Amino acid sequence: MARPLRVDVEGGWYHITARGIERRAIFCGKRYYRHFVELLEEMSSRYCVEVHAFCLLGNHYHLIIRTPKANASRAMQWLNVSYSAWFNAKQNRVGHVFQGRFNSVLIDNDGSWLLIASEYLHLNPVRTKGTGLGKRDNKVEGRGLREPTAEEIRKRLDQLSKYEWSSYRAYAGYVGRPKWLLTQALLKRSGGRERYRKGVEAYVTRGADSGEFESLRGQVAIGTAAFVERVKRLVTKVTKEQPDRQFAVRLVSFKRIIKIVEKEKGEKWQAFGGRYGDHGRDLVLYLARIRSGLTLAEIGKEAGGIEYKTVGKAVKRFEQTMKKDRRTRSLANHCLDQMSIVET
């Protein structure tokens, strides 16, 4: 089988999916779902990836992301590898967790393509045989050949609004939005929260026919013919920045991280960078891990030749210190706040 084509686009919008190997479960309980969500937040911060929607479903997941940096492949590789290692440790197993590589489809930023993609993603929890919306019944109902009963509609709406491992409840206003989940861009396209909710519910009451998005597998892009052709020719498409984004992150250079910590510590990196266990050194390594986009090995090289295992241990040590010590946690957050300032 040919490996899926990867097109890393600056400012690109993607529909991302990955499935468990042999369709096995990748989420075996609430702790598994919760840990994956935690990794999503960390991926967003570490790789400057905007997470606009997600849905986790037993043996697979869906994401809609935007990449201000052309690094979707690197970010998703980190996410799947990180979760796989954690999953295998929990299950006391070895081997692959996901079925091959993740699938990514570039979405046209013009028109309603993104809005449709998000609706398709959020409808997944109710597109089951148990709700009368299995693949065959879904198509029949979507074409108006069968009317759902009042009880079926009630069951679908209840399941949709209560499904915990999806961003739909944040979009519909049932729960608060975590800071790392960006909803404004899609809500603006739909005309607001209430219209978005009613739009998704309309599919539930008439059949969740997903149209173009039912045949995403194997595609590189979805949108207008001109957009798909541009993507096929691997021409970088830079989308406009969303002016209403409430949360944005950017990669920060290792040199800038050092400057910030030097200022806070009142000491030069040359003086404390080689001290094992120094809180300033560990702070630099921790900040680089979550904001530079560098691997542990790359961070170690930037730090003067530190082994990647040593970097990893230093990062974990600093994280544990932050949990116990409010002053350390406050210092790290203060440094992160300074990283929001654009370098000139």
Protein backbone atom coordinates (compact mmCIF):
# COMPACT_ATOMS: atom_id res chain seq x y z
CA MET A 1 0.00 0.00 0.00
CA ALA A 2 1.36 3.43 -0.93
CA ARG A 3 2.14 5.75 1.95
CA PRO A 4 -0.29 8.70 2.23
CA LEU A 5 1.02 11.86 0.61
CA ARG A 6 2.04 14.57 3.07
CA VAL A 7 1.58 18.21 2.10
CA ASP A 8 2.80 20.55 4.84
CA VAL A 9 1.33 23.97 4.15
CA GLU A 10 1.97 27.22 5.97
CA GLY A 11 -1.40 28.40 7.23
CA GLY A 12 -3.05 25.18 6.00
CA TRP A 13 -6.31 23.76 7.36
CA TYR A 14 -6.41 19.98 7.79
CA HIS A 15 -8.85 17.23 8.61
CA ILE A 16 -6.73 14.63 10.43
CA THR A 17 -7.74 11.05 11.22
CA ALA A 18 -5.96 8.04 12.67
CA ARG A 19 -7.35 4.59 13.43
CA GLY A 20 -6.26 1.82 15.78
CA ILE A 21 -4.37 -1.08 14.23
CA GLU A 22 -6.77 -3.78 12.98
CA ARG A 23 -9.55 -1.39 14.10
CA ARG A 24 -8.72 -2.14 17.73
CA ALA A 25 -9.65 0.29 20.49
CA ILE A 26 -7.16 3.06 21.20
CA PHE A 27 -9.26 4.55 24.02
CA CYS A 28 -9.96 1.99 26.75
CA GLY A 29 -11.57 4.22 29.34
CA LYS A 30 -11.84 7.80 30.51
CA ARG A 31 -8.18 8.01 31.52
CA TYR A 32 -7.17 7.19 27.95
CA TYR A 33 -9.42 9.86 26.44
CA ARG A 34 -8.27 12.36 29.04
CA HIS A 35 -4.58 11.72 28.39
CA PHE A 36 -5.03 12.13 24.64
CA VAL A 37 -6.73 15.49 25.22
CA GLU A 38 -3.81 16.50 27.45
CA LEU A 39 -1.42 15.61 24.62
CA LEU A 40 -3.51 17.66 22.18
CA GLU A 41 -3.02 20.70 24.38
CA GLU A 42 0.71 20.06 24.62
CA MET A 43 0.99 19.54 20.85
CA SER A 44 -0.78 22.86 20.27
CA SER A 45 1.72 24.68 22.47
CA ARG A 46 4.84 22.84 21.39
CA TYR A 47 4.31 22.98 17.62
CA CYS A 48 2.18 26.14 17.25
CA VAL A 49 -0.67 24.05 15.86
CA GLU A 50 -4.16 25.52 16.22
CA VAL A 51 -6.73 22.89 17.26
CA HIS A 52 -10.16 23.96 16.01
CA ALA A 53 -12.17 20.76 16.54
CA PHE A 54 -11.73 17.20 17.75
CA CYS A 55 -13.70 14.01 18.23
CA LEU A 56 -12.33 10.85 19.90
CA LEU A 57 -14.20 7.63 19.14
CA GLY A 58 -13.13 4.33 20.60
CA ASN A 59 -10.85 3.06 17.85
CA HIS A 60 -10.07 6.30 15.99
CA TYR A 61 -10.01 10.08 16.22
CA HIS A 62 -10.75 13.15 14.09
CA LEU A 63 -9.13 16.59 14.29
CA ILE A 64 -9.44 19.87 12.44
CA ILE A 65 -6.22 21.83 12.79
CA ARG A 66 -4.53 24.85 11.26
CA THR A 67 -0.75 25.10 10.92
CA PRO A 68 0.69 28.66 11.00
CA LYS A 69 3.98 26.85 10.49
CA ALA A 70 4.19 24.18 7.79
CA ASN A 71 4.65 21.39 10.34
CA ALA A 72 1.51 19.22 10.40
CA SER A 73 3.51 16.04 9.78
CA ARG A 74 5.96 16.68 12.59
CA ALA A 75 3.26 17.65 15.07
CA MET A 76 1.04 14.66 14.31
CA GLN A 77 3.97 12.27 14.42
CA TRP A 78 4.79 13.55 17.92
CA LEU A 79 1.16 13.19 19.01
CA ASN A 80 0.75 9.61 17.80
CA VAL A 81 4.15 8.44 19.03
CA SER A 82 3.63 10.04 22.44
CA TYR A 83 0.20 8.48 22.86
CA SER A 84 1.38 5.09 21.57
CA ALA A 85 4.21 4.94 24.09
CA TRP A 86 1.84 5.85 26.93
CA PHE A 87 -0.84 3.42 25.70
CA ASN A 88 1.60 0.51 25.46
CA ALA A 89 2.93 1.19 28.95
CA LYS A 90 -0.61 1.21 30.35
CA GLN A 91 -1.58 -1.96 28.48
CA ASN A 92 1.74 -3.73 29.13
CA ARG A 93 2.14 -4.40 25.42
CA VAL A 94 4.52 -3.61 22.57
CA GLY A 95 4.01 -2.87 18.89
CA HIS A 96 1.98 -0.48 16.80
CA VAL A 97 -1.08 1.22 18.24
CA PHE A 98 -2.25 3.02 15.08
CA GLN A 99 -3.03 1.53 11.68
CA GLY A 100 -0.22 2.92 9.54
CA ARG A 101 0.32 6.64 9.25
CA PHE A 102 -2.31 9.23 10.06
CA ASN A 103 -4.50 10.49 7.23
CA SER A 104 -4.50 14.22 6.46
CA VAL A 105 -6.72 16.10 4.05
CA LEU A 106 -6.15 19.76 3.23
CA ILE A 107 -9.38 21.76 3.34
CA ASP A 108 -10.15 24.77 1.18
CA ASN A 109 -10.33 27.88 3.35
CA ASP A 110 -12.81 29.55 0.99
CA GLY A 111 -16.53 28.83 0.98
CA SER A 112 -18.24 26.43 3.38
CA TRP A 113 -15.79 23.52 3.20
CA LEU A 114 -14.40 24.04 6.70
CA LEU A 115 -17.82 24.45 8.25
CA ILE A 116 -19.06 21.25 6.62
CA ALA A 117 -15.93 19.42 7.76
CA SER A 118 -16.50 20.47 11.38
CA GLU A 119 -20.16 19.41 11.25
CA TYR A 120 -19.15 16.02 9.83
CA LEU A 121 -16.58 15.62 12.60
CA HIS A 122 -19.02 16.53 15.38
CA LEU A 123 -21.74 14.20 14.07
CA ASN A 124 -19.60 11.08 14.39
CA PRO A 125 -20.82 10.09 17.89
CA VAL A 126 -24.40 9.73 16.59
CA ARG A 127 -23.60 8.16 13.22
CA THR A 128 -24.11 4.64 14.58
CA LYS A 129 -26.52 1.76 14.08
CA GLY A 130 -27.77 2.29 17.61
CA THR A 131 -29.22 5.68 16.68
CA GLY A 132 -30.54 4.54 13.31
CA LEU A 133 -27.75 6.39 11.52
CA GLY A 134 -25.50 3.58 10.37
CA LYS A 135 -24.02 4.03 6.90
CA ARG A 136 -26.95 2.53 4.99
CA ASP A 137 -29.74 4.05 7.11
CA ASN A 138 -27.95 7.38 7.13
CA LYS A 139 -27.99 7.58 3.33
CA VAL A 140 -31.63 6.55 3.13
CA GLU A 141 -32.69 9.12 5.70
CA GLY A 142 -30.46 11.82 4.23
CA ARG A 143 -32.24 11.43 0.88
CA GLY A 144 -35.64 11.84 2.49
CA LEU A 145 -36.69 8.23 1.94
CA ARG A 146 -37.34 7.64 5.64
CA GLU A 147 -38.47 9.90 8.48
CA PRO A 148 -36.93 9.37 11.94
CA THR A 149 -39.32 8.90 14.84
CA ALA A 150 -39.58 11.43 17.65
CA GLU A 151 -37.91 8.97 20.01
CA GLU A 152 -34.99 8.45 17.61
CA ILE A 153 -34.48 12.20 17.30
CA ARG A 154 -34.59 12.64 21.07
CA LYS A 155 -32.03 9.87 21.54
CA ARG A 156 -29.71 11.34 18.91
CA LEU A 157 -29.83 14.86 20.31
CA ASP A 158 -29.28 13.57 23.83
CA GLN A 159 -26.27 11.51 22.75
CA LEU A 160 -24.84 14.40 20.74
CA SER A 161 -25.11 16.92 23.58
CA LYS A 162 -23.71 14.57 26.23
CA TYR A 163 -20.80 13.06 24.34
CA GLU A 164 -17.82 14.10 26.44
CA TRP A 165 -14.87 13.48 24.11
CA SER A 166 -15.70 15.94 21.38
CA SER A 167 -15.41 19.70 20.94
CA TYR A 168 -19.10 19.94 20.00
CA ARG A 169 -20.27 20.75 23.53
CA ALA A 170 -17.90 23.74 23.62
CA TYR A 171 -19.20 24.90 20.22
CA ALA A 172 -22.83 24.49 21.32
CA GLY A 173 -22.24 26.30 24.62
CA TYR A 174 -22.95 23.33 26.87
CA VAL A 175 -19.50 23.56 28.49
CA GLY A 176 -16.73 26.12 28.66
CA ARG A 177 -14.02 26.24 26.01
CA PRO A 178 -10.49 25.22 27.04
CA LYS A 179 -7.99 27.94 26.17
CA TRP A 180 -6.18 25.83 23.59
CA LEU A 181 -9.36 24.98 21.62
CA LEU A 182 -10.15 27.67 19.04
CA THR A 183 -13.83 27.96 18.15
CA GLN A 184 -14.30 31.54 16.93
CA ALA A 185 -13.18 31.02 13.35
CA LEU A 186 -15.79 28.34 12.65
CA LEU A 187 -18.52 29.94 14.76
CA LYS A 188 -18.05 33.16 12.82
CA ARG A 189 -18.49 31.30 9.54
CA SER A 190 -21.73 29.74 10.78
CA GLY A 191 -23.20 32.99 12.10
CA GLY A 192 -22.70 32.34 15.80
CA ARG A 193 -23.04 29.65 18.43
CA GLU A 194 -26.81 29.18 18.20
CA ARG A 195 -26.82 28.89 14.42
CA TYR A 196 -23.95 26.42 14.56
CA ARG A 197 -25.80 24.24 17.07
CA LYS A 198 -29.02 24.35 15.07
CA GLY A 199 -27.12 23.51 11.90
CA VAL A 200 -25.63 20.37 13.41
CA GLU A 201 -28.95 19.37 14.99
CA ALA A 202 -30.64 19.73 11.61
CA TYR A 203 -28.50 16.88 10.28
CA VAL A 204 -29.53 14.74 13.23
CA THR A 205 -33.24 15.22 12.56
CA ARG A 206 -33.06 14.52 8.82
CA GLY A 207 -30.19 12.06 8.55
CA ALA A 208 -26.53 12.91 8.99
CA ASP A 209 -25.65 12.62 5.31
CA SER A 210 -22.05 13.83 5.18
CA GLY A 211 -21.88 14.46 1.45
CA GLU A 212 -18.35 15.20 0.22
CA PHE A 213 -16.78 14.14 3.49
CA GLU A 214 -18.02 10.56 3.30
CA SER A 215 -15.29 9.79 0.75
CA LEU A 216 -12.32 11.57 2.33
CA ARG A 217 -10.11 8.49 2.48
CA GLY A 218 -7.30 8.57 -0.02
CA GLN A 219 -7.81 12.22 -0.94
CA VAL A 220 -5.12 14.85 -0.56
CA ALA A 221 -7.45 17.84 -0.47
CA ILE A 222 -11.10 18.83 -0.58
CA GLY A 223 -12.48 22.07 -1.94
CA THR A 224 -12.95 23.69 -5.30
CA ALA A 225 -11.42 22.04 -8.35
CA ALA A 226 -8.85 24.84 -8.58
CA PHE A 227 -7.84 24.38 -4.92
CA VAL A 228 -7.45 20.62 -5.26
CA GLU A 229 -5.36 21.09 -8.39
CA ARG A 230 -3.07 23.57 -6.62
CA VAL A 231 -2.56 21.15 -3.75
CA LYS A 232 -1.83 18.30 -6.11
CA ARG A 233 0.92 20.39 -7.62
CA LEU A 234 2.24 20.92 -4.07
CA VAL A 235 2.01 24.69 -4.35
CA THR A 236 2.09 26.31 -0.89
CA LYS A 237 -1.12 28.14 -0.13
CA VAL A 238 -0.81 30.79 2.60
CA THR A 239 -4.17 31.52 4.18
CA LYS A 240 -5.06 34.84 5.77
CA GLU A 241 -4.62 35.19 9.52
CA GLN A 242 -7.85 35.09 11.50
CA PRO A 243 -8.12 38.50 13.24
CA ASP A 244 -10.48 37.16 15.88
CA ARG A 245 -8.21 34.44 17.26
CA GLN A 246 -8.16 34.66 21.07
CA PHE A 247 -5.20 32.32 21.42
CA ALA A 248 -2.10 32.13 19.29
CA VAL A 249 1.31 30.60 19.85
CA ARG A 250 4.53 30.78 17.88
CA LEU A 251 7.75 28.83 17.89
CA VAL A 252 10.39 30.47 20.04
CA SER A 253 14.09 30.16 19.30
CA PHE A 254 16.40 28.54 21.84
CA LYS A 255 18.45 31.75 21.96
CA ARG A 256 15.40 33.80 22.92
CA ILE A 257 14.47 31.32 25.65
CA ILE A 258 17.97 31.67 27.09
CA LYS A 259 17.73 35.48 27.04
CA ILE A 260 14.42 35.40 28.92
CA VAL A 261 15.74 33.05 31.60
CA GLU A 262 19.01 34.99 31.90
CA LYS A 263 17.01 38.12 32.64
CA GLU A 264 14.90 36.37 35.28
CA LYS A 265 17.88 34.65 36.88
CA GLY A 266 20.26 37.61 36.72
CA GLU A 267 23.01 35.35 35.46
CA LYS A 268 24.43 34.39 32.07
CA TRP A 269 23.74 30.99 30.49
CA GLN A 270 27.50 30.32 30.37
CA ALA A 271 27.50 30.42 34.17
CA PHE A 272 24.51 28.18 34.95
CA GLY A 273 23.94 26.15 31.76
CA GLY A 274 26.39 23.46 32.77
CA ARG A 275 25.18 23.03 36.34
CA TYR A 276 23.36 19.77 36.82
CA GLY A 277 20.06 20.32 38.61
CA ASP A 278 20.25 24.12 38.39
CA HIS A 279 16.67 25.45 38.30
CA GLY A 280 17.65 27.98 35.61
CA ARG A 281 19.12 25.32 33.34
CA ASP A 282 16.14 23.03 33.85
CA LEU A 283 13.77 25.94 33.19
CA VAL A 284 15.48 26.61 29.85
CA LEU A 285 15.19 22.94 28.87
CA TYR A 286 11.54 22.82 29.96
CA LEU A 287 10.60 25.97 28.01
CA ALA A 288 12.45 24.71 24.95
CA ARG A 289 10.57 21.41 25.14
CA ILE A 290 7.13 23.02 25.08
CA ARG A 291 7.75 26.11 22.93
CA SER A 292 10.69 25.61 20.55
CA GLY A 293 9.35 22.69 18.51
CA LEU A 294 12.74 20.98 18.89
CA THR A 295 13.22 17.32 19.75
CA LEU A 296 15.00 16.30 22.97
CA ALA A 297 18.15 15.56 20.97
CA GLU A 298 17.99 18.94 19.22
CA ILE A 299 17.49 20.73 22.54
CA GLY A 300 20.49 18.91 23.97
CA LYS A 301 22.62 19.98 21.01
CA GLU A 302 21.52 23.61 21.37
CA ALA A 303 22.26 23.46 25.10
CA GLY A 304 25.88 22.52 24.49
CA GLY A 305 25.87 18.79 23.92
CA ILE A 306 23.57 17.41 26.62
CA GLU A 307 22.36 13.81 26.09
CA TYR A 308 18.69 13.64 25.07
CA LYS A 309 17.93 11.32 28.02
CA THR A 310 19.37 13.94 30.37
CA VAL A 311 17.20 16.61 28.76
CA GLY A 312 14.12 14.44 29.21
CA LYS A 313 14.89 13.80 32.88
CA ALA A 314 15.52 17.52 33.49
CA VAL A 315 12.17 18.42 31.90
CA LYS A 316 10.30 15.85 34.01
CA ARG A 317 12.12 17.02 37.14
CA PHE A 318 11.15 20.62 36.49
CA GLU A 319 7.52 19.64 35.82
CA GLN A 320 7.38 17.82 39.15
CA THR A 321 8.88 20.86 40.91
CA MET A 322 6.24 23.13 39.37
CA LYS A 323 3.47 20.92 40.71
CA LYS A 324 4.82 21.24 44.25
CA ASP A 325 6.24 24.77 44.26
CA ARG A 326 4.04 27.77 43.44
CA ARG A 327 7.03 30.13 42.99
CA THR A 328 8.61 27.86 40.38
CA ARG A 329 5.29 27.54 38.57
CA SER A 330 4.83 31.32 38.64
CA LEU A 331 8.35 31.84 37.23
CA ALA A 332 7.73 29.45 34.34
CA ASN A 333 4.39 31.11 33.52
CA HIS A 334 6.04 34.55 33.64
CA CYS A 335 8.63 33.39 31.11
CA LEU A 336 5.91 31.94 28.88
CA ASP A 337 4.05 35.26 28.97
CA GLN A 338 7.17 37.04 27.72
CA MET A 339 7.33 34.64 24.78
CA SER A 340 4.13 36.12 23.40
CA ILE A 341 6.13 39.22 22.48
CA VAL A 342 7.21 39.14 18.85
CA GLU A 343 10.95 39.24 18.30
CA THR A 344 12.19 42.17 16.22
